[in-house]
Structures are given as structure tokens and as C-alpha cells.
Amino acid sequence: MKHLRILRQPSRPPRPRRIAYPVPWRVDRSTAPHFRLVNTGRQPLRGVTVSVAGSSRLRVSAPAVVRPGEAVRASLSGPDPALDTVLVVRWFPPDGREYLWSVSF
């Protein structure tokens, strides 16, 4: 009996994985320092806000709702955004969850 092993309960089966939420934005940089954030998704996005972290300044026209194919326009001004500036986009898809996405220059 010295070699008796105590068996533990079997582990629960893993929960099914959820498919990752694809970022519904594409950044059009063709007219830098003026940028367009285009909604490439299939759903309207609500509560869209755009902010900047770093030494650059941001001017943005973010409508309350961005429908598929529509864009948010943003202009950056600063010495060199590629060195220390990150754009942060926040939105809510129809399911009400909050998402954040950062864009480096």
C-alpha cells in the first residue's frame, strides 16, 4: 500500500474558444499628416473617439456613429510623430462592448 497514488478529479474540459474580434479600422496615410480612419467592418461603430499620446497635437472630426465605409479624419502636428506619438481609437460595436486600438506612426 506504500505505492498507492491518490488520484485527483479530472480537469474540466476547456471552454470553447471565441473567435477574435477583427479590428474594423484601416488607416489611410496617403495624405500625412492628415489621416483617415476608415471603418472597414460590417457594422456601424458608435461612441468613436480619437486621442493622442505623445508630443504631437491632434485635430479630429469624429462623428458619433461611423458606418461601414465612412471615415474619421484626423490631423497631426508635431516635430516627429514617429518618435513618440500613438493614436488611440475607442469605439463601441452594436453589442455594446468597448474596444481600444492604438496606431503608431
N, C-alpha and C. Protein backbone atom coordinates (compact mmCIF):
# COMPACT_ATOMS: atom_id res chain seq x y z
N MET A 1 0.80 -1.18 0.00
CA MET A 1 0.00 0.00 0.00
C MET A 1 0.85 1.26 0.00
N LYS A 2 2.14 1.12 0.18
CA LYS A 2 3.01 2.30 0.19
C LYS A 2 2.97 3.03 -1.14
N HIS A 3 2.75 2.35 -2.20
CA HIS A 3 2.83 2.95 -3.53
C HIS A 3 1.46 3.36 -4.08
N LEU A 4 0.53 3.54 -3.23
CA LEU A 4 -0.81 3.92 -3.64
C LEU A 4 -0.82 5.41 -4.01
N ARG A 5 -1.31 5.71 -5.15
CA ARG A 5 -1.39 7.11 -5.60
C ARG A 5 -2.79 7.65 -5.38
N ILE A 6 -2.87 8.86 -4.98
CA ILE A 6 -4.17 9.49 -4.83
C ILE A 6 -4.48 10.18 -6.15
N LEU A 7 -5.59 9.78 -6.71
CA LEU A 7 -5.99 10.37 -7.99
C LEU A 7 -6.84 11.60 -7.73
N ARG A 8 -6.63 12.59 -8.53
CA ARG A 8 -7.44 13.80 -8.37
C ARG A 8 -8.56 13.81 -9.40
N GLN A 9 -9.48 14.70 -9.17
CA GLN A 9 -10.60 14.83 -10.09
C GLN A 9 -10.09 15.20 -11.49
N PRO A 10 -10.72 14.70 -12.52
CA PRO A 10 -10.29 15.10 -13.86
C PRO A 10 -10.55 16.60 -14.07
N SER A 11 -9.71 17.21 -14.84
CA SER A 11 -9.87 18.64 -15.14
C SER A 11 -11.13 18.85 -15.96
N ARG A 12 -11.69 20.03 -15.79
CA ARG A 12 -12.83 20.39 -16.62
C ARG A 12 -12.38 20.53 -18.07
N PRO A 13 -13.25 20.20 -19.00
CA PRO A 13 -12.85 20.40 -20.40
C PRO A 13 -12.68 21.89 -20.66
N PRO A 14 -11.76 22.27 -21.52
CA PRO A 14 -11.56 23.69 -21.79
C PRO A 14 -12.81 24.30 -22.42
N ARG A 15 -13.03 25.58 -22.10
CA ARG A 15 -14.16 26.27 -22.69
C ARG A 15 -13.90 26.48 -24.17
N PRO A 16 -14.94 26.48 -24.97
CA PRO A 16 -14.72 26.73 -26.39
C PRO A 16 -14.13 28.11 -26.60
N ARG A 17 -13.21 28.22 -27.50
CA ARG A 17 -12.57 29.50 -27.78
C ARG A 17 -13.50 30.40 -28.57
N ARG A 18 -13.41 31.66 -28.26
CA ARG A 18 -14.16 32.65 -29.03
C ARG A 18 -13.26 33.15 -30.15
N ILE A 19 -13.85 33.43 -31.24
CA ILE A 19 -13.08 33.97 -32.37
C ILE A 19 -12.71 35.40 -32.02
N ALA A 20 -11.49 35.78 -32.31
CA ALA A 20 -11.02 37.13 -32.02
C ALA A 20 -11.82 38.15 -32.82
N TYR A 21 -12.03 39.29 -32.22
CA TYR A 21 -12.75 40.38 -32.88
C TYR A 21 -11.78 41.10 -33.80
N PRO A 22 -12.02 41.09 -35.10
CA PRO A 22 -11.09 41.78 -36.00
C PRO A 22 -11.25 43.30 -35.89
N VAL A 23 -10.15 44.00 -35.86
CA VAL A 23 -10.19 45.46 -35.78
C VAL A 23 -10.84 45.98 -37.06
N PRO A 24 -11.91 46.76 -36.93
CA PRO A 24 -12.65 47.21 -38.11
C PRO A 24 -12.13 48.51 -38.72
N TRP A 25 -10.89 48.85 -38.46
CA TRP A 25 -10.34 50.11 -38.95
C TRP A 25 -9.18 49.88 -39.91
N ARG A 26 -9.05 50.79 -40.86
CA ARG A 26 -7.88 50.85 -41.74
C ARG A 26 -7.42 52.30 -41.71
N VAL A 27 -6.12 52.52 -41.60
CA VAL A 27 -5.57 53.87 -41.56
C VAL A 27 -5.09 54.24 -42.95
N ASP A 28 -5.65 55.32 -43.50
CA ASP A 28 -5.21 55.85 -44.79
C ASP A 28 -4.19 56.93 -44.48
N ARG A 29 -2.92 56.66 -44.79
CA ARG A 29 -1.82 57.59 -44.50
C ARG A 29 -1.35 58.33 -45.75
N SER A 30 -2.09 58.23 -46.82
CA SER A 30 -1.64 58.77 -48.11
C SER A 30 -1.51 60.28 -48.13
N THR A 31 -2.17 60.98 -47.23
CA THR A 31 -2.08 62.45 -47.21
C THR A 31 -1.52 62.95 -45.88
N ALA A 32 -0.58 62.21 -45.30
CA ALA A 32 0.01 62.58 -44.00
C ALA A 32 0.53 64.02 -44.07
N PRO A 33 0.33 64.78 -43.03
CA PRO A 33 -0.07 64.48 -41.66
C PRO A 33 -1.59 64.44 -41.45
N HIS A 34 -2.37 64.40 -42.53
CA HIS A 34 -3.81 64.24 -42.43
C HIS A 34 -4.12 62.77 -42.67
N PHE A 35 -4.84 62.17 -41.75
CA PHE A 35 -5.11 60.74 -41.80
C PHE A 35 -6.61 60.49 -41.85
N ARG A 36 -6.98 59.36 -42.39
CA ARG A 36 -8.37 58.92 -42.38
C ARG A 36 -8.41 57.54 -41.73
N LEU A 37 -9.30 57.36 -40.78
CA LEU A 37 -9.54 56.06 -40.16
C LEU A 37 -10.84 55.55 -40.76
N VAL A 38 -10.74 54.56 -41.62
CA VAL A 38 -11.89 54.06 -42.36
C VAL A 38 -12.48 52.83 -41.67
N ASN A 39 -13.79 52.84 -41.48
CA ASN A 39 -14.48 51.68 -40.91
C ASN A 39 -14.59 50.63 -42.01
N THR A 40 -13.79 49.58 -41.91
CA THR A 40 -13.80 48.50 -42.90
C THR A 40 -14.66 47.33 -42.45
N GLY A 41 -15.31 47.49 -41.30
CA GLY A 41 -16.17 46.42 -40.79
C GLY A 41 -17.54 46.42 -41.45
N ARG A 42 -18.39 45.55 -40.94
CA ARG A 42 -19.75 45.41 -41.48
C ARG A 42 -20.79 46.07 -40.61
N GLN A 43 -20.37 46.66 -39.48
CA GLN A 43 -21.31 47.22 -38.53
C GLN A 43 -21.01 48.70 -38.29
N PRO A 44 -22.05 49.47 -37.96
CA PRO A 44 -21.78 50.86 -37.54
C PRO A 44 -21.11 50.85 -36.18
N LEU A 45 -20.20 51.76 -35.98
CA LEU A 45 -19.46 51.86 -34.72
C LEU A 45 -19.89 53.15 -34.02
N ARG A 46 -20.25 53.05 -32.75
CA ARG A 46 -20.78 54.19 -32.00
C ARG A 46 -19.77 54.67 -30.96
N GLY A 47 -19.97 55.92 -30.53
CA GLY A 47 -19.13 56.47 -29.47
C GLY A 47 -17.66 56.53 -29.86
N VAL A 48 -17.38 56.76 -31.13
CA VAL A 48 -16.00 56.77 -31.61
C VAL A 48 -15.28 58.02 -31.10
N THR A 49 -14.14 57.79 -30.44
CA THR A 49 -13.29 58.91 -30.03
C THR A 49 -11.86 58.60 -30.46
N VAL A 50 -11.13 59.64 -30.73
CA VAL A 50 -9.73 59.51 -31.14
C VAL A 50 -8.92 60.45 -30.26
N SER A 51 -7.85 59.94 -29.66
CA SER A 51 -6.97 60.75 -28.83
C SER A 51 -5.53 60.43 -29.19
N VAL A 52 -4.63 61.25 -28.67
CA VAL A 52 -3.22 61.07 -28.99
C VAL A 52 -2.41 61.07 -27.71
N ALA A 53 -1.40 60.21 -27.67
CA ALA A 53 -0.45 60.18 -26.57
C ALA A 53 0.92 60.48 -27.16
N GLY A 54 1.60 61.45 -26.59
CA GLY A 54 2.92 61.84 -27.10
C GLY A 54 3.00 63.34 -27.25
N SER A 55 4.02 63.79 -27.95
CA SER A 55 4.25 65.24 -28.05
C SER A 55 3.49 65.91 -29.19
N SER A 56 2.87 65.16 -30.07
CA SER A 56 2.13 65.75 -31.18
C SER A 56 0.75 66.22 -30.73
N ARG A 57 0.20 67.13 -31.52
CA ARG A 57 -1.16 67.62 -31.28
C ARG A 57 -2.08 67.00 -32.31
N LEU A 58 -3.34 66.85 -31.94
CA LEU A 58 -4.31 66.18 -32.79
C LEU A 58 -5.53 67.07 -33.01
N ARG A 59 -5.96 67.16 -34.25
CA ARG A 59 -7.25 67.75 -34.60
C ARG A 59 -8.06 66.64 -35.24
N VAL A 60 -9.26 66.43 -34.75
CA VAL A 60 -10.04 65.30 -35.24
C VAL A 60 -11.51 65.68 -35.38
N SER A 61 -12.14 65.10 -36.39
CA SER A 61 -13.59 65.24 -36.54
C SER A 61 -14.17 63.83 -36.44
N ALA A 62 -14.58 63.46 -35.25
CA ALA A 62 -15.10 62.12 -35.02
C ALA A 62 -16.62 62.20 -34.86
N PRO A 63 -17.36 61.71 -35.84
CA PRO A 63 -18.82 61.69 -35.68
C PRO A 63 -19.22 60.68 -34.61
N ALA A 64 -20.44 60.81 -34.12
CA ALA A 64 -20.92 59.90 -33.07
C ALA A 64 -21.03 58.47 -33.57
N VAL A 65 -21.38 58.31 -34.83
CA VAL A 65 -21.53 56.98 -35.44
C VAL A 65 -20.73 56.96 -36.74
N VAL A 66 -19.93 55.91 -36.93
CA VAL A 66 -19.18 55.74 -38.17
C VAL A 66 -19.69 54.46 -38.82
N ARG A 67 -20.37 54.63 -39.94
CA ARG A 67 -20.95 53.48 -40.64
C ARG A 67 -19.90 52.80 -41.51
N PRO A 68 -20.16 51.57 -41.94
CA PRO A 68 -19.19 50.89 -42.82
C PRO A 68 -18.86 51.74 -44.05
N GLY A 69 -17.57 51.85 -44.32
CA GLY A 69 -17.09 52.65 -45.46
C GLY A 69 -16.87 54.11 -45.14
N GLU A 70 -17.41 54.62 -44.03
CA GLU A 70 -17.20 56.01 -43.65
C GLU A 70 -15.87 56.13 -42.90
N ALA A 71 -15.42 57.39 -42.75
CA ALA A 71 -14.11 57.62 -42.15
C ALA A 71 -14.14 58.72 -41.12
N VAL A 72 -13.19 58.65 -40.20
CA VAL A 72 -12.90 59.71 -39.24
C VAL A 72 -11.65 60.39 -39.76
N ARG A 73 -11.66 61.70 -39.80
CA ARG A 73 -10.49 62.44 -40.28
C ARG A 73 -9.72 63.01 -39.09
N ALA A 74 -8.39 62.89 -39.15
CA ALA A 74 -7.54 63.39 -38.08
C ALA A 74 -6.29 64.02 -38.68
N SER A 75 -5.84 65.11 -38.05
CA SER A 75 -4.62 65.78 -38.48
C SER A 75 -3.67 65.87 -37.30
N LEU A 76 -2.43 65.52 -37.54
CA LEU A 76 -1.38 65.58 -36.52
C LEU A 76 -0.44 66.72 -36.81
N SER A 77 0.01 67.37 -35.76
CA SER A 77 1.08 68.35 -35.90
C SER A 77 2.05 68.14 -34.75
N GLY A 78 3.30 68.10 -35.10
CA GLY A 78 4.33 67.88 -34.09
C GLY A 78 5.67 67.68 -34.77
N PRO A 79 6.75 67.70 -34.00
CA PRO A 79 8.09 67.60 -34.58
C PRO A 79 8.33 66.30 -35.35
N ASP A 80 8.08 65.16 -34.74
CA ASP A 80 8.28 63.87 -35.41
C ASP A 80 7.40 62.82 -34.75
N PRO A 81 6.16 62.68 -35.24
CA PRO A 81 5.23 61.74 -34.61
C PRO A 81 5.75 60.31 -34.54
N ALA A 82 6.60 59.90 -35.46
CA ALA A 82 7.11 58.53 -35.46
C ALA A 82 7.94 58.23 -34.21
N LEU A 83 8.49 59.25 -33.58
CA LEU A 83 9.34 59.02 -32.41
C LEU A 83 8.56 58.71 -31.14
N ASP A 84 7.44 59.42 -30.92
CA ASP A 84 6.80 59.26 -29.61
C ASP A 84 5.29 59.43 -29.60
N THR A 85 4.66 59.33 -30.74
CA THR A 85 3.22 59.58 -30.78
C THR A 85 2.44 58.32 -31.12
N VAL A 86 1.37 58.11 -30.36
CA VAL A 86 0.47 56.98 -30.59
C VAL A 86 -0.96 57.52 -30.64
N LEU A 87 -1.68 57.12 -31.64
CA LEU A 87 -3.09 57.47 -31.77
C LEU A 87 -3.90 56.36 -31.12
N VAL A 88 -4.90 56.71 -30.32
CA VAL A 88 -5.74 55.73 -29.65
C VAL A 88 -7.19 55.93 -30.12
N VAL A 89 -7.77 54.87 -30.67
CA VAL A 89 -9.15 54.91 -31.16
C VAL A 89 -10.00 54.09 -30.21
N ARG A 90 -11.14 54.65 -29.82
CA ARG A 90 -12.07 53.96 -28.91
C ARG A 90 -13.42 53.90 -29.60
N TRP A 91 -14.11 52.75 -29.50
CA TRP A 91 -15.42 52.62 -30.13
C TRP A 91 -16.24 51.53 -29.47
N PHE A 92 -17.52 51.53 -29.80
CA PHE A 92 -18.47 50.53 -29.31
C PHE A 92 -19.20 49.93 -30.51
N PRO A 93 -19.03 48.63 -30.77
CA PRO A 93 -19.83 47.99 -31.80
C PRO A 93 -21.27 47.79 -31.28
N PRO A 94 -22.18 47.28 -32.11
CA PRO A 94 -23.57 47.12 -31.68
C PRO A 94 -23.77 46.28 -30.41
N ASP A 95 -22.84 45.37 -30.08
CA ASP A 95 -23.03 44.55 -28.87
C ASP A 95 -22.74 45.31 -27.58
N GLY A 96 -22.25 46.56 -27.70
CA GLY A 96 -22.04 47.41 -26.53
C GLY A 96 -20.70 47.26 -25.84
N ARG A 97 -19.86 46.35 -26.29
CA ARG A 97 -18.53 46.22 -25.68
C ARG A 97 -17.66 47.40 -26.08
N GLU A 98 -16.71 47.73 -25.24
CA GLU A 98 -15.80 48.84 -25.53
C GLU A 98 -14.49 48.27 -26.07
N TYR A 99 -13.99 48.89 -27.15
CA TYR A 99 -12.72 48.48 -27.72
C TYR A 99 -11.79 49.67 -27.84
N LEU A 100 -10.50 49.39 -27.69
CA LEU A 100 -9.44 50.38 -27.87
C LEU A 100 -8.43 49.81 -28.85
N TRP A 101 -7.91 50.68 -29.71
CA TRP A 101 -6.92 50.26 -30.69
C TRP A 101 -5.89 51.38 -30.79
N SER A 102 -4.62 51.03 -30.74
CA SER A 102 -3.58 52.05 -30.84
C SER A 102 -2.88 51.95 -32.19
N VAL A 103 -2.51 53.11 -32.71
CA VAL A 103 -1.86 53.23 -34.00
C VAL A 103 -0.55 53.96 -33.81
N SER A 104 0.55 53.37 -34.22
CA SER A 104 1.85 54.03 -34.16
C SER A 104 2.13 54.69 -35.51
N PHE A 105 2.91 55.74 -35.45
CA PHE A 105 3.24 56.45 -36.68
C PHE A 105 4.67 56.13 -37.07
